[in-house]
Amino acid sequence: MAALTFANVKVHNEIEFCRVSNLEIKQKIERAFLSNRISYYERWEDVSLFKRMFGDGEKQNCIICINSMQKDKAEALIEEMPEVRGQVELLCRRVDKTFF
């Protein structure tokens, strides 16, 4: 029996799908993704200490990242949820950082 060989190539096909600052909206998106079998991960944007203390109450933003192959399905889900549509900023750009 031949031994298995694996390539050392890392595939990064994740995209930053959307930016959300409201936690209730984020949970609705998460539930929709989970019930439709869309894998995702969250990345939180840090707000600087200066902006938190002296800014206009800037909220912490969550960026939801998904696999690029599931982008069309995720966009269709957002379109089906009218309460979410106006409070989500669709980004659809490639993830530029490698986390491993």
PDB file of N, CA and C in Angstrom:
ATOM      1  N   MET A   1       0.842  -1.180   0.000  1.00  0.00           N
ATOM      2  CA  MET A   1       0.000   0.000   0.000  1.00  0.00           C
ATOM      3  C   MET A   1       0.890   1.247   0.000  1.00  0.00           C
ATOM      4  N   ALA A   2       0.568   2.211  -0.820  1.00  0.00           N
ATOM      5  CA  ALA A   2       1.368   3.430  -0.951  1.00  0.00           C
ATOM      6  C   ALA A   2       1.045   4.405   0.172  1.00  0.00           C
ATOM      7  N   ALA A   3       2.037   5.117   0.616  1.00  0.00           N
ATOM      8  CA  ALA A   3       1.856   6.110   1.672  1.00  0.00           C
ATOM      9  C   ALA A   3       1.159   7.353   1.110  1.00  0.00           C
ATOM     10  N   LEU A   4       0.363   7.974   1.943  1.00  0.00           N
ATOM     11  CA  LEU A   4      -0.307   9.213   1.541  1.00  0.00           C
ATOM     12  C   LEU A   4       0.694  10.358   1.539  1.00  0.00           C
ATOM     13  N   THR A   5       0.603  11.207   0.557  1.00  0.00           N
ATOM     14  CA  THR A   5       1.446  12.394   0.517  1.00  0.00           C
ATOM     15  C   THR A   5       0.551  13.620   0.498  1.00  0.00           C
ATOM     16  N   PHE A   6       0.953  14.599   1.236  1.00  0.00           N
ATOM     17  CA  PHE A   6       0.200  15.836   1.310  1.00  0.00           C
ATOM     18  C   PHE A   6       1.062  16.980   0.797  1.00  0.00           C
ATOM     19  N   ALA A   7       0.432  17.897   0.120  1.00  0.00           N
ATOM     20  CA  ALA A   7       1.146  19.072  -0.387  1.00  0.00           C
ATOM     21  C   ALA A   7       1.269  20.106   0.727  1.00  0.00           C
ATOM     22  N   ASN A   8       2.289  20.896   0.656  1.00  0.00           N
ATOM     23  CA  ASN A   8       2.493  21.956   1.640  1.00  0.00           C
ATOM     24  C   ASN A   8       1.832  23.262   1.227  1.00  0.00           C
ATOM     25  N   VAL A   9       0.856  23.201   0.339  1.00  0.00           N
ATOM     26  CA  VAL A   9       0.183  24.390  -0.154  1.00  0.00           C
ATOM     27  C   VAL A   9      -0.982  24.723   0.756  1.00  0.00           C
ATOM     28  N   LYS A  10      -1.040  25.964   1.201  1.00  0.00           N
ATOM     29  CA  LYS A  10      -2.164  26.422   2.009  1.00  0.00           C
ATOM     30  C   LYS A  10      -3.138  27.149   1.099  1.00  0.00           C
ATOM     31  N   VAL A  11      -4.396  26.811   1.223  1.00  0.00           N
ATOM     32  CA  VAL A  11      -5.421  27.432   0.393  1.00  0.00           C
ATOM     33  C   VAL A  11      -6.188  28.434   1.246  1.00  0.00           C
ATOM     34  N   HIS A  12      -6.206  29.674   0.807  1.00  0.00           N
ATOM     35  CA  HIS A  12      -6.924  30.721   1.517  1.00  0.00           C
ATOM     36  C   HIS A  12      -8.006  31.247   0.589  1.00  0.00           C
ATOM     37  N   ASN A  13      -9.197  30.729   0.747  1.00  0.00           N
ATOM     38  CA  ASN A  13     -10.290  31.169  -0.106  1.00  0.00           C
ATOM     39  C   ASN A  13     -11.396  31.827   0.715  1.00  0.00           C
ATOM     40  N   GLU A  14     -11.028  32.428   1.840  1.00  0.00           N
ATOM     41  CA  GLU A  14     -11.995  33.135   2.660  1.00  0.00           C
ATOM     42  C   GLU A  14     -12.127  34.578   2.182  1.00  0.00           C
ATOM     43  N   ILE A  15     -13.329  35.106   2.359  1.00  0.00           N
ATOM     44  CA  ILE A  15     -13.565  36.518   2.065  1.00  0.00           C
ATOM     45  C   ILE A  15     -14.191  37.171   3.292  1.00  0.00           C
ATOM     46  N   GLU A  16     -13.931  38.456   3.445  1.00  0.00           N
ATOM     47  CA  GLU A  16     -14.626  39.241   4.458  1.00  0.00           C
ATOM     48  C   GLU A  16     -15.985  39.570   3.872  1.00  0.00           C
ATOM     49  N   PHE A  17     -17.017  38.915   4.364  1.00  0.00           N
ATOM     50  CA  PHE A  17     -18.334  39.038   3.757  1.00  0.00           C
ATOM     51  C   PHE A  17     -19.043  40.323   4.172  1.00  0.00           C
ATOM     52  N   CYS A  18     -19.120  40.592   5.478  1.00  0.00           N
ATOM     53  CA  CYS A  18     -19.865  41.775   5.913  1.00  0.00           C
ATOM     54  C   CYS A  18     -19.334  42.304   7.239  1.00  0.00           C
ATOM     55  N   ARG A  19     -19.689  43.547   7.531  1.00  0.00           N
ATOM     56  CA  ARG A  19     -19.323  44.210   8.785  1.00  0.00           C
ATOM     57  C   ARG A  19     -20.616  44.545   9.524  1.00  0.00           C
ATOM     58  N   VAL A  20     -20.675  44.170  10.811  1.00  0.00           N
ATOM     59  CA  VAL A  20     -21.868  44.372  11.628  1.00  0.00           C
ATOM     60  C   VAL A  20     -21.432  44.987  12.951  1.00  0.00           C
ATOM     61  N   SER A  21     -22.198  45.950  13.450  1.00  0.00           N
ATOM     62  CA  SER A  21     -21.900  46.513  14.761  1.00  0.00           C
ATOM     63  C   SER A  21     -22.989  46.212  15.780  1.00  0.00           C
ATOM     64  N   ASN A  22     -24.165  45.783  15.337  1.00  0.00           N
ATOM     65  CA  ASN A  22     -25.275  45.453  16.228  1.00  0.00           C
ATOM     66  C   ASN A  22     -25.226  43.959  16.551  1.00  0.00           C
ATOM     67  N   LEU A  23     -25.166  43.613  17.844  1.00  0.00           N
ATOM     68  CA  LEU A  23     -25.034  42.213  18.234  1.00  0.00           C
ATOM     69  C   LEU A  23     -26.272  41.388  17.908  1.00  0.00           C
ATOM     70  N   GLU A  24     -27.450  41.979  17.982  1.00  0.00           N
ATOM     71  CA  GLU A  24     -28.674  41.245  17.649  1.00  0.00           C
ATOM     72  C   GLU A  24     -28.701  40.876  16.166  1.00  0.00           C
ATOM     73  N   ILE A  25     -28.297  41.796  15.326  1.00  0.00           N
ATOM     74  CA  ILE A  25     -28.238  41.526  13.890  1.00  0.00           C
ATOM     75  C   ILE A  25     -27.194  40.460  13.598  1.00  0.00           C
ATOM     76  N   LYS A  26     -26.059  40.524  14.302  1.00  0.00           N
ATOM     77  CA  LYS A  26     -25.005  39.522  14.118  1.00  0.00           C
ATOM     78  C   LYS A  26     -25.519  38.133  14.472  1.00  0.00           C
ATOM     79  N   GLN A  27     -26.290  38.030  15.537  1.00  0.00           N
ATOM     80  CA  GLN A  27     -26.835  36.734  15.936  1.00  0.00           C
ATOM     81  C   GLN A  27     -27.845  36.212  14.925  1.00  0.00           C
ATOM     82  N   LYS A  28     -28.632  37.094  14.332  1.00  0.00           N
ATOM     83  CA  LYS A  28     -29.582  36.666  13.296  1.00  0.00           C
ATOM     84  C   LYS A  28     -28.848  36.124  12.081  1.00  0.00           C
ATOM     85  N   ILE A  29     -27.774  36.795  11.702  1.00  0.00           N
ATOM     86  CA  ILE A  29     -26.978  36.327  10.566  1.00  0.00           C
ATOM     87  C   ILE A  29     -26.347  34.975  10.893  1.00  0.00           C
ATOM     88  N   GLU A  30     -25.815  34.840  12.106  1.00  0.00           N
ATOM     89  CA  GLU A  30     -25.209  33.580  12.515  1.00  0.00           C
ATOM     90  C   GLU A  30     -26.217  32.432  12.460  1.00  0.00           C
ATOM     91  N   ARG A  31     -27.415  32.663  12.994  1.00  0.00           N
ATOM     92  CA  ARG A  31     -28.444  31.617  12.973  1.00  0.00           C
ATOM     93  C   ARG A  31     -28.814  31.231  11.544  1.00  0.00           C
ATOM     94  N   ALA A  32     -28.926  32.217  10.666  1.00  0.00           N
ATOM     95  CA  ALA A  32     -29.256  31.932   9.270  1.00  0.00           C
ATOM     96  C   ALA A  32     -28.135  31.137   8.607  1.00  0.00           C
ATOM     97  N   PHE A  33     -26.882  31.508   8.880  1.00  0.00           N
ATOM     98  CA  PHE A  33     -25.755  30.783   8.302  1.00  0.00           C
ATOM     99  C   PHE A  33     -25.708  29.347   8.822  1.00  0.00           C
ATOM    100  N   LEU A  34     -25.914  29.169  10.122  1.00  0.00           N
ATOM    101  CA  LEU A  34     -25.860  27.832  10.689  1.00  0.00           C
ATOM    102  C   LEU A  34     -26.981  26.946  10.158  1.00  0.00           C
ATOM    103  N   SER A  35     -28.185  27.495  10.039  1.00  0.00           N
ATOM    104  CA  SER A  35     -29.301  26.683   9.554  1.00  0.00           C
ATOM    105  C   SER A  35     -29.182  26.360   8.064  1.00  0.00           C
ATOM    106  N   ASN A  36     -28.390  27.135   7.327  1.00  0.00           N
ATOM    107  CA  ASN A  36     -28.182  26.882   5.899  1.00  0.00           C
ATOM    108  C   ASN A  36     -26.802  26.304   5.601  1.00  0.00           C
ATOM    109  N   ARG A  37     -26.106  25.868   6.636  1.00  0.00           N
ATOM    110  CA  ARG A  37     -24.824  25.174   6.515  1.00  0.00           C
ATOM    111  C   ARG A  37     -23.745  26.009   5.825  1.00  0.00           C
ATOM    112  N   ILE A  38     -23.686  27.280   6.190  1.00  0.00           N
ATOM    113  CA  ILE A  38     -22.627  28.164   5.693  1.00  0.00           C
ATOM    114  C   ILE A  38     -21.604  28.323   6.809  1.00  0.00           C
ATOM    115  N   SER A  39     -20.389  27.898   6.563  1.00  0.00           N
ATOM    116  CA  SER A  39     -19.349  28.027   7.585  1.00  0.00           C
ATOM    117  C   SER A  39     -18.827  29.459   7.580  1.00  0.00           C
ATOM    118  N   TYR A  40     -18.509  29.949   8.758  1.00  0.00           N
ATOM    119  CA  TYR A  40     -18.068  31.336   8.911  1.00  0.00           C
ATOM    120  C   TYR A  40     -17.137  31.432  10.109  1.00  0.00           C
ATOM    121  N   TYR A  41     -16.448  32.541  10.216  1.00  0.00           N
ATOM    122  CA  TYR A  41     -15.754  32.895  11.445  1.00  0.00           C
ATOM    123  C   TYR A  41     -15.830  34.396  11.624  1.00  0.00           C
ATOM    124  N   GLU A  42     -15.679  34.821  12.862  1.00  0.00           N
ATOM    125  CA  GLU A  42     -15.791  36.238  13.212  1.00  0.00           C
ATOM    126  C   GLU A  42     -14.412  36.815  13.445  1.00  0.00           C
ATOM    127  N   ARG A  43     -14.258  38.044  13.041  1.00  0.00           N
ATOM    128  CA  ARG A  43     -13.044  38.801  13.338  1.00  0.00           C
ATOM    129  C   ARG A  43     -13.487  40.150  13.859  1.00  0.00           C
ATOM    130  N   TRP A  44     -13.033  40.508  15.029  1.00  0.00           N
ATOM    131  CA  TRP A  44     -13.447  41.768  15.652  1.00  0.00           C
ATOM    132  C   TRP A  44     -12.418  42.851  15.381  1.00  0.00           C
ATOM    133  N   GLU A  45     -12.904  44.008  14.961  1.00  0.00           N
ATOM    134  CA  GLU A  45     -12.029  45.161  14.746  1.00  0.00           C
ATOM    135  C   GLU A  45     -11.851  45.878  16.077  1.00  0.00           C
ATOM    136  N   ASP A  46     -10.624  46.195  16.386  1.00  0.00           N
ATOM    137  CA  ASP A  46     -10.338  46.896  17.632  1.00  0.00           C
ATOM    138  C   ASP A  46     -10.572  48.386  17.465  1.00  0.00           C
ATOM    139  N   VAL A  47     -11.160  48.969  18.482  1.00  0.00           N
ATOM    140  CA  VAL A  47     -11.336  50.415  18.520  1.00  0.00           C
ATOM    141  C   VAL A  47     -10.249  50.949  19.444  1.00  0.00           C
ATOM    142  N   SER A  48      -9.520  51.935  18.993  1.00  0.00           N
ATOM    143  CA  SER A  48      -8.403  52.443  19.786  1.00  0.00           C
ATOM    144  C   SER A  48      -8.902  53.071  21.086  1.00  0.00           C
ATOM    145  N   LEU A  49      -8.032  53.095  22.059  1.00  0.00           N
ATOM    146  CA  LEU A  49      -8.366  53.656  23.366  1.00  0.00           C
ATOM    147  C   LEU A  49      -8.742  55.131  23.236  1.00  0.00           C
ATOM    148  N   PHE A  50      -8.033  55.854  22.389  1.00  0.00           N
ATOM    149  CA  PHE A  50      -8.319  57.273  22.184  1.00  0.00           C
ATOM    150  C   PHE A  50      -9.736  57.477  21.651  1.00  0.00           C
ATOM    151  N   LYS A  51     -10.140  56.655  20.670  1.00  0.00           N
ATOM    152  CA  LYS A  51     -11.488  56.786  20.110  1.00  0.00           C
ATOM    153  C   LYS A  51     -12.556  56.385  21.119  1.00  0.00           C
ATOM    154  N   ARG A  52     -12.255  55.386  21.946  1.00  0.00           N
ATOM    155  CA  ARG A  52     -13.231  54.983  22.961  1.00  0.00           C
ATOM    156  C   ARG A  52     -13.435  56.067  23.999  1.00  0.00           C
ATOM    157  N   MET A  53     -12.345  56.765  24.368  1.00  0.00           N
ATOM    158  CA  MET A  53     -12.441  57.776  25.424  1.00  0.00           C
ATOM    159  C   MET A  53     -12.963  59.108  24.898  1.00  0.00           C
ATOM    160  N   PHE A  54     -12.472  59.542  23.740  1.00  0.00           N
ATOM    161  CA  PHE A  54     -12.782  60.883  23.267  1.00  0.00           C
ATOM    162  C   PHE A  54     -13.603  60.904  21.983  1.00  0.00           C
ATOM    163  N   GLY A  55     -13.863  59.743  21.430  1.00  0.00           N
ATOM    164  CA  GLY A  55     -14.603  59.673  20.173  1.00  0.00           C
ATOM    165  C   GLY A  55     -16.096  59.846  20.395  1.00  0.00           C
ATOM    166  N   ASP A  56     -16.827  59.603  19.353  1.00  0.00           N
ATOM    167  CA  ASP A  56     -18.276  59.782  19.403  1.00  0.00           C
ATOM    168  C   ASP A  56     -18.981  58.475  19.754  1.00  0.00           C
ATOM    169  N   GLY A  57     -18.406  57.667  20.655  1.00  0.00           N
ATOM    170  CA  GLY A  57     -19.024  56.419  21.061  1.00  0.00           C
ATOM    171  C   GLY A  57     -18.975  55.360  19.980  1.00  0.00           C
ATOM    172  N   GLU A  58     -17.858  55.304  19.281  1.00  0.00           N
ATOM    173  CA  GLU A  58     -17.713  54.353  18.181  1.00  0.00           C
ATOM    174  C   GLU A  58     -17.847  52.926  18.714  1.00  0.00           C
ATOM    175  N   LYS A  59     -18.651  52.124  18.030  1.00  0.00           N
ATOM    176  CA  LYS A  59     -18.898  50.751  18.448  1.00  0.00           C
ATOM    177  C   LYS A  59     -17.842  49.834  17.870  1.00  0.00           C
ATOM    178  N   GLN A  60     -17.709  48.684  18.525  1.00  0.00           N
ATOM    179  CA  GLN A  60     -16.800  47.671  18.026  1.00  0.00           C
ATOM    180  C   GLN A  60     -17.498  46.924  16.898  1.00  0.00           C
ATOM    181  N   ASN A  61     -16.809  46.727  15.798  1.00  0.00           N
ATOM    182  CA  ASN A  61     -17.374  46.077  14.627  1.00  0.00           C
ATOM    183  C   ASN A  61     -16.924  44.628  14.545  1.00  0.00           C
ATOM    184  N   CYS A  62     -17.836  43.780  14.094  1.00  0.00           N
ATOM    185  CA  CYS A  62     -17.545  42.377  13.845  1.00  0.00           C
ATOM    186  C   CYS A  62     -17.555  42.158  12.338  1.00  0.00           C
ATOM    187  N   ILE A  63     -16.499  41.556  11.827  1.00  0.00           N
ATOM    188  CA  ILE A  63     -16.451  41.207  10.413  1.00  0.00           C
ATOM    189  C   ILE A  63     -16.671  39.705  10.323  1.00  0.00           C
ATOM    190  N   ILE A  64     -17.679  39.317   9.558  1.00  0.00           N
ATOM    191  CA  ILE A  64     -17.991  37.912   9.366  1.00  0.00           C
ATOM    192  C   ILE A  64     -17.336  37.460   8.066  1.00  0.00           C
ATOM    193  N   CYS A  65     -16.492  36.439   8.175  1.00  0.00           N
ATOM    194  CA  CYS A  65     -15.769  35.910   7.031  1.00  0.00           C
ATOM    195  C   CYS A  65     -16.337  34.548   6.660  1.00  0.00           C
ATOM    196  N   ILE A  66     -16.465  34.303   5.366  1.00  0.00           N
ATOM    197  CA  ILE A  66     -16.998  33.032   4.874  1.00  0.00           C
ATOM    198  C   ILE A  66     -16.115  32.513   3.744  1.00  0.00           C
ATOM    199  N   ASN A  67     -16.394  31.304   3.311  1.00  0.00           N
ATOM    200  CA  ASN A  67     -15.715  30.730   2.166  1.00  0.00           C
ATOM    201  C   ASN A  67     -16.244  31.407   0.904  1.00  0.00           C
ATOM    202  N   SER A  68     -15.373  31.693  -0.027  1.00  0.00           N
ATOM    203  CA  SER A  68     -15.785  32.412  -1.238  1.00  0.00           C
ATOM    204  C   SER A  68     -16.768  31.611  -2.090  1.00  0.00           C
ATOM    205  N   MET A  69     -16.773  30.280  -1.950  1.00  0.00           N
ATOM    206  CA  MET A  69     -17.705  29.448  -2.712  1.00  0.00           C
ATOM    207  C   MET A  69     -19.140  29.595  -2.211  1.00  0.00           C
ATOM    208  N   GLN A  70     -19.329  30.115  -1.001  1.00  0.00           N
ATOM    209  CA  GLN A  70     -20.658  30.251  -0.409  1.00  0.00           C
ATOM    210  C   GLN A  70     -21.182  31.684  -0.447  1.00  0.00           C
ATOM    211  N   LYS A  71     -20.517  32.547  -1.182  1.00  0.00           N
ATOM    212  CA  LYS A  71     -20.869  33.964  -1.221  1.00  0.00           C
ATOM    213  C   LYS A  71     -22.278  34.202  -1.776  1.00  0.00           C
ATOM    214  N   ASP A  72     -22.626  33.559  -2.867  1.00  0.00           N
ATOM    215  CA  ASP A  72     -23.947  33.772  -3.478  1.00  0.00           C
ATOM    216  C   ASP A  72     -25.069  33.335  -2.547  1.00  0.00           C
ATOM    217  N   LYS A  73     -24.879  32.209  -1.891  1.00  0.00           N
ATOM    218  CA  LYS A  73     -25.894  31.705  -0.957  1.00  0.00           C
ATOM    219  C   LYS A  73     -26.046  32.653   0.234  1.00  0.00           C
ATOM    220  N   ALA A  74     -24.933  33.179   0.732  1.00  0.00           N
ATOM    221  CA  ALA A  74     -24.969  34.101   1.865  1.00  0.00           C
ATOM    222  C   ALA A  74     -25.643  35.423   1.474  1.00  0.00           C
ATOM    223  N   GLU A  75     -25.360  35.926   0.277  1.00  0.00           N
ATOM    224  CA  GLU A  75     -26.005  37.158  -0.183  1.00  0.00           C
ATOM    225  C   GLU A  75     -27.509  36.969  -0.319  1.00  0.00           C
ATOM    226  N   ALA A  76     -27.937  35.804  -0.798  1.00  0.00           N
ATOM    227  CA  ALA A  76     -29.368  35.527  -0.919  1.00  0.00           C
ATOM    228  C   ALA A  76     -30.034  35.488   0.451  1.00  0.00           C
ATOM    229  N   LEU A  77     -29.350  34.963   1.450  1.00  0.00           N
ATOM    230  CA  LEU A  77     -29.906  34.940   2.804  1.00  0.00           C
ATOM    231  C   LEU A  77     -30.071  36.347   3.374  1.00  0.00           C
ATOM    232  N   ILE A  78     -29.082  37.203   3.139  1.00  0.00           N
ATOM    233  CA  ILE A  78     -29.175  38.588   3.629  1.00  0.00           C
ATOM    234  C   ILE A  78     -30.330  39.305   2.947  1.00  0.00           C
ATOM    235  N   GLU A  79     -30.527  39.071   1.666  1.00  0.00           N
ATOM    236  CA  GLU A  79     -31.631  39.706   0.933  1.00  0.00           C
ATOM    237  C   GLU A  79     -32.992  39.253   1.441  1.00  0.00           C
ATOM    238  N   GLU A  80     -33.078  38.028   1.958  1.00  0.00           N
ATOM    239  CA  GLU A  80     -34.345  37.505   2.470  1.00  0.00           C
ATOM    240  C   GLU A  80     -34.710  38.070   3.838  1.00  0.00           C
ATOM    241  N   MET A  81     -33.755  38.709   4.524  1.00  0.00           N
ATOM    242  CA  MET A  81     -33.995  39.242   5.867  1.00  0.00           C
ATOM    243  C   MET A  81     -34.058  40.768   5.799  1.00  0.00           C
ATOM    244  N   PRO A  82     -35.254  41.349   5.703  1.00  0.00           N
ATOM    245  CA  PRO A  82     -35.358  42.806   5.553  1.00  0.00           C
ATOM    246  C   PRO A  82     -34.860  43.592   6.773  1.00  0.00           C
ATOM    247  N   GLU A  83     -34.962  43.019   7.981  1.00  0.00           N
ATOM    248  CA  GLU A  83     -34.501  43.729   9.178  1.00  0.00           C
ATOM    249  C   GLU A  83     -32.986  43.803   9.251  1.00  0.00           C
ATOM    250  N   VAL A  84     -32.309  42.967   8.500  1.00  0.00           N
ATOM    251  CA  VAL A  84     -30.849  42.919   8.516  1.00  0.00           C
ATOM    252  C   VAL A  84     -30.251  43.769   7.408  1.00  0.00           C
ATOM    253  N   ARG A  85     -30.943  43.857   6.293  1.00  0.00           N
ATOM    254  CA  ARG A  85     -30.398  44.468   5.072  1.00  0.00           C
ATOM    255  C   ARG A  85     -29.816  45.859   5.279  1.00  0.00           C
ATOM    256  N   GLY A  86     -30.478  46.719   6.000  1.00  0.00           N
ATOM    257  CA  GLY A  86     -30.003  48.091   6.151  1.00  0.00           C
ATOM    258  C   GLY A  86     -28.904  48.279   7.177  1.00  0.00           C
ATOM    259  N   GLN A  87     -28.666  47.272   8.020  1.00  0.00           N
ATOM    260  CA  GLN A  87     -27.705  47.425   9.109  1.00  0.00           C
ATOM    261  C   GLN A  87     -26.420  46.634   8.904  1.00  0.00           C
ATOM    262  N   VAL A  88     -26.242  46.108   7.711  1.00  0.00           N
ATOM    263  CA  VAL A  88     -25.060  45.310   7.398  1.00  0.00           C
ATOM    264  C   VAL A  88     -24.332  45.954   6.234  1.00  0.00           C
ATOM    265  N   GLU A  89     -23.031  46.085   6.380  1.00  0.00           N
ATOM    266  CA  GLU A  89     -22.209  46.597   5.282  1.00  0.00           C
ATOM    267  C   GLU A  89     -21.537  45.414   4.598  1.00  0.00           C
ATOM    268  N   LEU A  90     -21.950  45.127   3.374  1.00  0.00           N
ATOM    269  CA  LEU A  90     -21.356  44.022   2.620  1.00  0.00           C
ATOM    270  C   LEU A  90     -19.980  44.439   2.112  1.00  0.00           C
ATOM    271  N   LEU A  91     -18.978  43.630   2.406  1.00  0.00           N
ATOM    272  CA  LEU A  91     -17.608  43.943   2.014  1.00  0.00           C
ATOM    273  C   LEU A  91     -17.166  43.114   0.813  1.00  0.00           C
ATOM    274  N   CYS A  92     -17.308  41.813   0.900  1.00  0.00           N
ATOM    275  CA  CYS A  92     -16.948  40.865  -0.172  1.00  0.00           C
ATOM    276  C   CYS A  92     -15.544  41.110  -0.710  1.00  0.00           C
ATOM    277  N   ARG A  93     -14.578  41.145   0.195  1.00  0.00           N
ATOM    278  CA  ARG A  93     -13.179  41.296  -0.222  1.00  0.00           C
ATOM    279  C   ARG A  93     -12.351  40.172   0.396  1.00  0.00           C
ATOM    280  N   ARG A  94     -11.246  39.876  -0.245  1.00  0.00           N
ATOM    281  CA  ARG A  94     -10.402  38.772   0.217  1.00  0.00           C
ATOM    282  C   ARG A  94      -9.753  39.092   1.550  1.00  0.00           C
ATOM    283  N   VAL A  95      -9.562  38.057   2.340  1.00  0.00           N
ATOM    284  CA  VAL A  95      -8.872  38.191   3.615  1.00  0.00           C
ATOM    285  C   VAL A  95      -7.389  38.318   3.327  1.00  0.00           C
ATOM    286  N   ASP A  96      -6.781  39.373   3.846  1.00  0.00           N
ATOM    287  CA  ASP A  96      -5.379  39.607   3.519  1.00  0.00           C
ATOM    288  C   ASP A  96      -4.413  39.043   4.549  1.00  0.00           C
ATOM    289  N   LYS A  97      -4.909  38.596   5.697  1.00  0.00           N
ATOM    290  CA  LYS A  97      -4.032  38.077   6.744  1.00  0.00           C
ATOM    291  C   LYS A  97      -4.132  36.552   6.800  1.00  0.00           C
ATOM    292  N   THR A  98      -3.040  35.934   7.157  1.00  0.00           N
ATOM    293  CA  THR A  98      -3.016  34.500   7.380  1.00  0.00           C
ATOM    294  C   THR A  98      -2.965  34.275   8.880  1.00  0.00           C
ATOM    295  N   PHE A  99      -3.882  33.454   9.413  1.00  0.00           N
ATOM    296  CA  PHE A  99      -3.984  33.270  10.849  1.00  0.00           C
ATOM    297  C   PHE A  99      -3.294  32.008  11.348  1.00  0.00           C
ATOM    298  N   PHE A 100      -2.639  31.261  10.456  1.00  0.00           N
ATOM    299  CA  PHE A 100      -1.915  30.070  10.899  1.00  0.00           C
ATOM    300  C   PHE A 100      -0.653  29.888  10.100  1.00  0.00           C
TER     301      PHE A 100
END
